[in-house]
Amino acid sequence: MKTKKISRKTHVKRGDTVQIISGREKGKIGTIIKVIPKNNEVIIENLNIAIKHLKPQKDNNSGRIIQIEQPINSSNVILYNQNNS
C-alpha cells in the first residue's frame, strides 16, 4: 500500500519577522531562521534558547556548553508588522 506524502502549509516562512503570543517568550519579536512543516514548528533567531552540555570526544578535547534555539509551535507566533504596532 502506498502512503501519501502530506504537505502542510504554514502561515509563516523563513525570514519573516514574528511575535510570540504564548509561552515563556511571550511578547518577544524575532526572525524565523527555519521552518519545520512536518511538525508544524518554527525556529526563531535568539529566542527559546536551551543550554546543551557536550562531553569531550577525544583525549585532548574538553567538554563545552553550547546554546541552541529550540523549535516553537507555529500556532504560537503571529506575523509582526512594525507599521501597525
N, C-alpha and C. Protein backbone atom coordinates (compact mmCIF):
# COMPACT_ATOMS: atom_id res chain seq x y z
N MET A 1 0.83 -1.17 0.00
CA MET A 1 0.00 0.00 0.00
C MET A 1 0.88 1.24 0.00
N LYS A 2 0.58 2.18 -0.87
CA LYS A 2 1.35 3.41 -0.96
C LYS A 2 0.88 4.41 0.10
N THR A 3 1.83 5.14 0.62
CA THR A 3 1.47 6.19 1.57
C THR A 3 1.61 7.54 0.87
N LYS A 4 0.67 8.41 1.13
CA LYS A 4 0.70 9.73 0.54
C LYS A 4 1.57 10.65 1.36
N LYS A 5 2.31 11.49 0.68
CA LYS A 5 3.11 12.49 1.36
C LYS A 5 2.20 13.67 1.71
N ILE A 6 2.15 14.00 2.98
CA ILE A 6 1.29 15.08 3.43
C ILE A 6 2.11 16.36 3.47
N SER A 7 1.66 17.37 2.74
CA SER A 7 2.33 18.66 2.80
C SER A 7 1.46 19.61 3.60
N ARG A 8 2.05 20.20 4.61
CA ARG A 8 1.32 21.14 5.46
C ARG A 8 1.73 22.55 5.11
N LYS A 9 0.76 23.43 5.09
CA LYS A 9 1.03 24.82 4.78
C LYS A 9 1.04 25.61 6.08
N THR A 10 2.07 26.43 6.24
CA THR A 10 2.15 27.28 7.42
C THR A 10 1.91 28.72 7.03
N HIS A 11 1.51 29.53 7.99
CA HIS A 11 1.20 30.93 7.73
C HIS A 11 2.44 31.82 7.77
N VAL A 12 3.60 31.24 8.08
CA VAL A 12 4.85 32.00 8.12
C VAL A 12 5.91 31.28 7.30
N LYS A 13 6.95 32.02 6.91
CA LYS A 13 8.04 31.41 6.15
C LYS A 13 9.37 31.94 6.67
N ARG A 14 10.45 31.35 6.20
CA ARG A 14 11.78 31.74 6.64
C ARG A 14 12.04 33.20 6.29
N GLY A 15 12.58 33.95 7.23
CA GLY A 15 12.87 35.35 7.02
C GLY A 15 11.80 36.30 7.52
N ASP A 16 10.62 35.78 7.86
CA ASP A 16 9.54 36.62 8.38
C ASP A 16 9.87 37.09 9.80
N THR A 17 9.43 38.30 10.12
CA THR A 17 9.53 38.81 11.49
C THR A 17 8.22 38.47 12.20
N VAL A 18 8.35 37.78 13.33
CA VAL A 18 7.16 37.31 14.04
C VAL A 18 7.22 37.73 15.51
N GLN A 19 6.05 37.71 16.14
CA GLN A 19 5.93 37.97 17.57
C GLN A 19 5.36 36.72 18.22
N ILE A 20 5.94 36.32 19.34
CA ILE A 20 5.46 35.15 20.06
C ILE A 20 4.28 35.57 20.93
N ILE A 21 3.19 34.81 20.85
CA ILE A 21 1.96 35.20 21.55
C ILE A 21 1.66 34.33 22.77
N SER A 22 2.42 33.26 22.99
CA SER A 22 2.20 32.45 24.19
C SER A 22 3.48 31.72 24.57
N GLY A 23 3.56 31.36 25.83
CA GLY A 23 4.71 30.61 26.32
C GLY A 23 5.68 31.49 27.08
N ARG A 24 6.83 30.94 27.38
CA ARG A 24 7.85 31.61 28.18
C ARG A 24 8.38 32.88 27.52
N GLU A 25 8.44 32.91 26.20
CA GLU A 25 8.99 34.03 25.45
C GLU A 25 7.91 34.98 24.94
N LYS A 26 6.75 34.98 25.57
CA LYS A 26 5.60 35.76 25.11
C LYS A 26 5.95 37.24 24.96
N GLY A 27 5.53 37.83 23.82
CA GLY A 27 5.74 39.24 23.57
C GLY A 27 7.03 39.58 22.87
N LYS A 28 7.95 38.63 22.76
CA LYS A 28 9.24 38.90 22.12
C LYS A 28 9.11 38.80 20.60
N ILE A 29 9.97 39.54 19.91
CA ILE A 29 9.94 39.63 18.46
C ILE A 29 11.25 39.09 17.91
N GLY A 30 11.17 38.29 16.84
CA GLY A 30 12.36 37.73 16.23
C GLY A 30 12.12 37.34 14.79
N THR A 31 13.19 36.87 14.15
CA THR A 31 13.15 36.46 12.75
C THR A 31 13.24 34.94 12.66
N ILE A 32 12.43 34.37 11.78
CA ILE A 32 12.42 32.92 11.60
C ILE A 32 13.66 32.51 10.79
N ILE A 33 14.41 31.52 11.32
CA ILE A 33 15.57 31.03 10.60
C ILE A 33 15.33 29.66 9.98
N LYS A 34 14.30 28.94 10.46
CA LYS A 34 14.00 27.63 9.90
C LYS A 34 12.53 27.29 10.16
N VAL A 35 11.89 26.66 9.17
CA VAL A 35 10.51 26.19 9.30
C VAL A 35 10.52 24.67 9.17
N ILE A 36 9.83 23.99 10.09
CA ILE A 36 9.72 22.53 10.06
C ILE A 36 8.25 22.19 9.84
N PRO A 37 7.79 22.11 8.57
CA PRO A 37 6.36 21.91 8.31
C PRO A 37 5.86 20.54 8.76
N LYS A 38 6.72 19.53 8.81
CA LYS A 38 6.29 18.20 9.22
C LYS A 38 5.74 18.21 10.65
N ASN A 39 6.39 18.97 11.53
CA ASN A 39 5.97 19.05 12.93
C ASN A 39 5.22 20.34 13.23
N ASN A 40 4.99 21.17 12.22
CA ASN A 40 4.29 22.45 12.38
C ASN A 40 5.03 23.35 13.37
N GLU A 41 6.37 23.43 13.23
CA GLU A 41 7.20 24.19 14.15
C GLU A 41 8.10 25.16 13.39
N VAL A 42 8.55 26.19 14.12
CA VAL A 42 9.49 27.15 13.56
C VAL A 42 10.61 27.38 14.57
N ILE A 43 11.79 27.77 14.07
CA ILE A 43 12.91 28.14 14.92
C ILE A 43 13.16 29.62 14.72
N ILE A 44 13.17 30.37 15.82
CA ILE A 44 13.31 31.82 15.78
C ILE A 44 14.69 32.20 16.31
N GLU A 45 15.33 33.12 15.60
CA GLU A 45 16.69 33.52 15.93
C GLU A 45 16.78 34.14 17.33
N ASN A 46 17.68 33.59 18.15
CA ASN A 46 17.98 34.07 19.50
C ASN A 46 16.80 34.04 20.47
N LEU A 47 15.80 33.20 20.21
CA LEU A 47 14.68 33.03 21.14
C LEU A 47 14.49 31.55 21.43
N ASN A 48 13.89 31.25 22.58
CA ASN A 48 13.66 29.88 23.05
C ASN A 48 14.99 29.11 23.10
N ILE A 49 15.96 29.70 23.80
CA ILE A 49 17.31 29.16 23.89
C ILE A 49 17.37 28.04 24.92
N ALA A 50 18.07 26.95 24.58
CA ALA A 50 18.33 25.86 25.51
C ALA A 50 19.84 25.68 25.62
N ILE A 51 20.30 25.26 26.78
CA ILE A 51 21.72 25.04 27.01
C ILE A 51 21.99 23.55 26.92
N LYS A 52 23.01 23.19 26.13
CA LYS A 52 23.36 21.78 25.95
C LYS A 52 24.80 21.57 26.40
N HIS A 53 25.01 20.56 27.23
CA HIS A 53 26.34 20.23 27.72
C HIS A 53 26.89 19.09 26.87
N LEU A 54 28.06 19.30 26.25
CA LEU A 54 28.67 18.29 25.41
C LEU A 54 29.87 17.67 26.12
N LYS A 55 29.96 16.36 26.08
CA LYS A 55 31.09 15.66 26.67
C LYS A 55 32.28 15.75 25.73
N PRO A 56 33.50 15.63 26.27
CA PRO A 56 34.67 15.62 25.38
C PRO A 56 34.67 14.37 24.51
N GLN A 57 35.05 14.52 23.26
CA GLN A 57 35.02 13.40 22.32
C GLN A 57 36.38 12.70 22.19
N LYS A 58 37.46 13.41 22.37
CA LYS A 58 38.80 12.82 22.27
C LYS A 58 39.55 13.08 23.57
N ASP A 59 40.75 12.52 23.69
CA ASP A 59 41.55 12.69 24.90
C ASP A 59 41.97 14.14 25.11
N ASN A 60 42.31 14.86 24.04
CA ASN A 60 42.82 16.22 24.17
C ASN A 60 41.71 17.27 24.24
N ASN A 61 40.50 16.93 23.84
CA ASN A 61 39.40 17.89 23.84
C ASN A 61 38.77 18.00 25.23
N SER A 62 38.22 19.17 25.49
CA SER A 62 37.48 19.34 26.74
C SER A 62 36.00 19.50 26.39
N GLY A 63 35.17 19.24 27.36
CA GLY A 63 33.74 19.41 27.14
C GLY A 63 33.40 20.88 26.99
N ARG A 64 32.20 21.15 26.51
CA ARG A 64 31.79 22.54 26.35
C ARG A 64 30.29 22.67 26.54
N ILE A 65 29.87 23.90 26.68
CA ILE A 65 28.45 24.22 26.84
C ILE A 65 28.05 25.08 25.66
N ILE A 66 26.99 24.66 24.94
CA ILE A 66 26.52 25.44 23.80
C ILE A 66 25.07 25.85 24.02
N GLN A 67 24.68 26.93 23.37
CA GLN A 67 23.30 27.39 23.43
C GLN A 67 22.68 27.22 22.05
N ILE A 68 21.53 26.56 21.98
CA ILE A 68 20.86 26.32 20.71
C ILE A 68 19.41 26.80 20.80
N GLU A 69 18.87 27.20 19.65
CA GLU A 69 17.47 27.60 19.58
C GLU A 69 16.60 26.37 19.44
N GLN A 70 15.58 26.28 20.26
CA GLN A 70 14.64 25.17 20.19
C GLN A 70 13.44 25.56 19.34
N PRO A 71 12.82 24.58 18.67
CA PRO A 71 11.63 24.90 17.88
C PRO A 71 10.44 25.28 18.75
N ILE A 72 9.57 26.10 18.18
CA ILE A 72 8.34 26.52 18.85
C ILE A 72 7.19 26.26 17.88
N ASN A 73 6.04 25.88 18.39
CA ASN A 73 4.90 25.58 17.52
C ASN A 73 4.49 26.84 16.75
N SER A 74 4.20 26.68 15.47
CA SER A 74 3.89 27.84 14.64
C SER A 74 2.56 28.49 15.02
N SER A 75 1.72 27.79 15.77
CA SER A 75 0.47 28.40 16.22
C SER A 75 0.71 29.41 17.33
N ASN A 76 1.91 29.42 17.90
CA ASN A 76 2.23 30.35 18.98
C ASN A 76 2.90 31.62 18.48
N VAL A 77 2.96 31.82 17.16
CA VAL A 77 3.56 33.04 16.61
C VAL A 77 2.60 33.70 15.63
N ILE A 78 2.72 35.03 15.52
CA ILE A 78 1.96 35.78 14.51
C ILE A 78 2.92 36.68 13.77
N LEU A 79 2.57 37.02 12.54
CA LEU A 79 3.39 37.96 11.77
C LEU A 79 3.40 39.30 12.48
N TYR A 80 4.57 39.93 12.48
CA TYR A 80 4.72 41.21 13.17
C TYR A 80 4.89 42.30 12.12
N ASN A 81 4.06 43.33 12.21
CA ASN A 81 4.13 44.45 11.29
C ASN A 81 4.48 45.70 12.09
N GLN A 82 5.65 46.29 11.83
CA GLN A 82 6.11 47.43 12.61
C GLN A 82 5.25 48.66 12.41
N ASN A 83 4.56 48.79 11.26
CA ASN A 83 3.75 49.95 10.99
C ASN A 83 2.52 50.04 11.88
N ASN A 84 1.92 48.89 12.20
CA ASN A 84 0.68 48.86 12.97
C ASN A 84 0.91 48.75 14.47
N SER A 85 2.10 48.33 14.90
CA SER A 85 2.33 48.09 16.32
C SER A 85 2.94 49.26 17.03
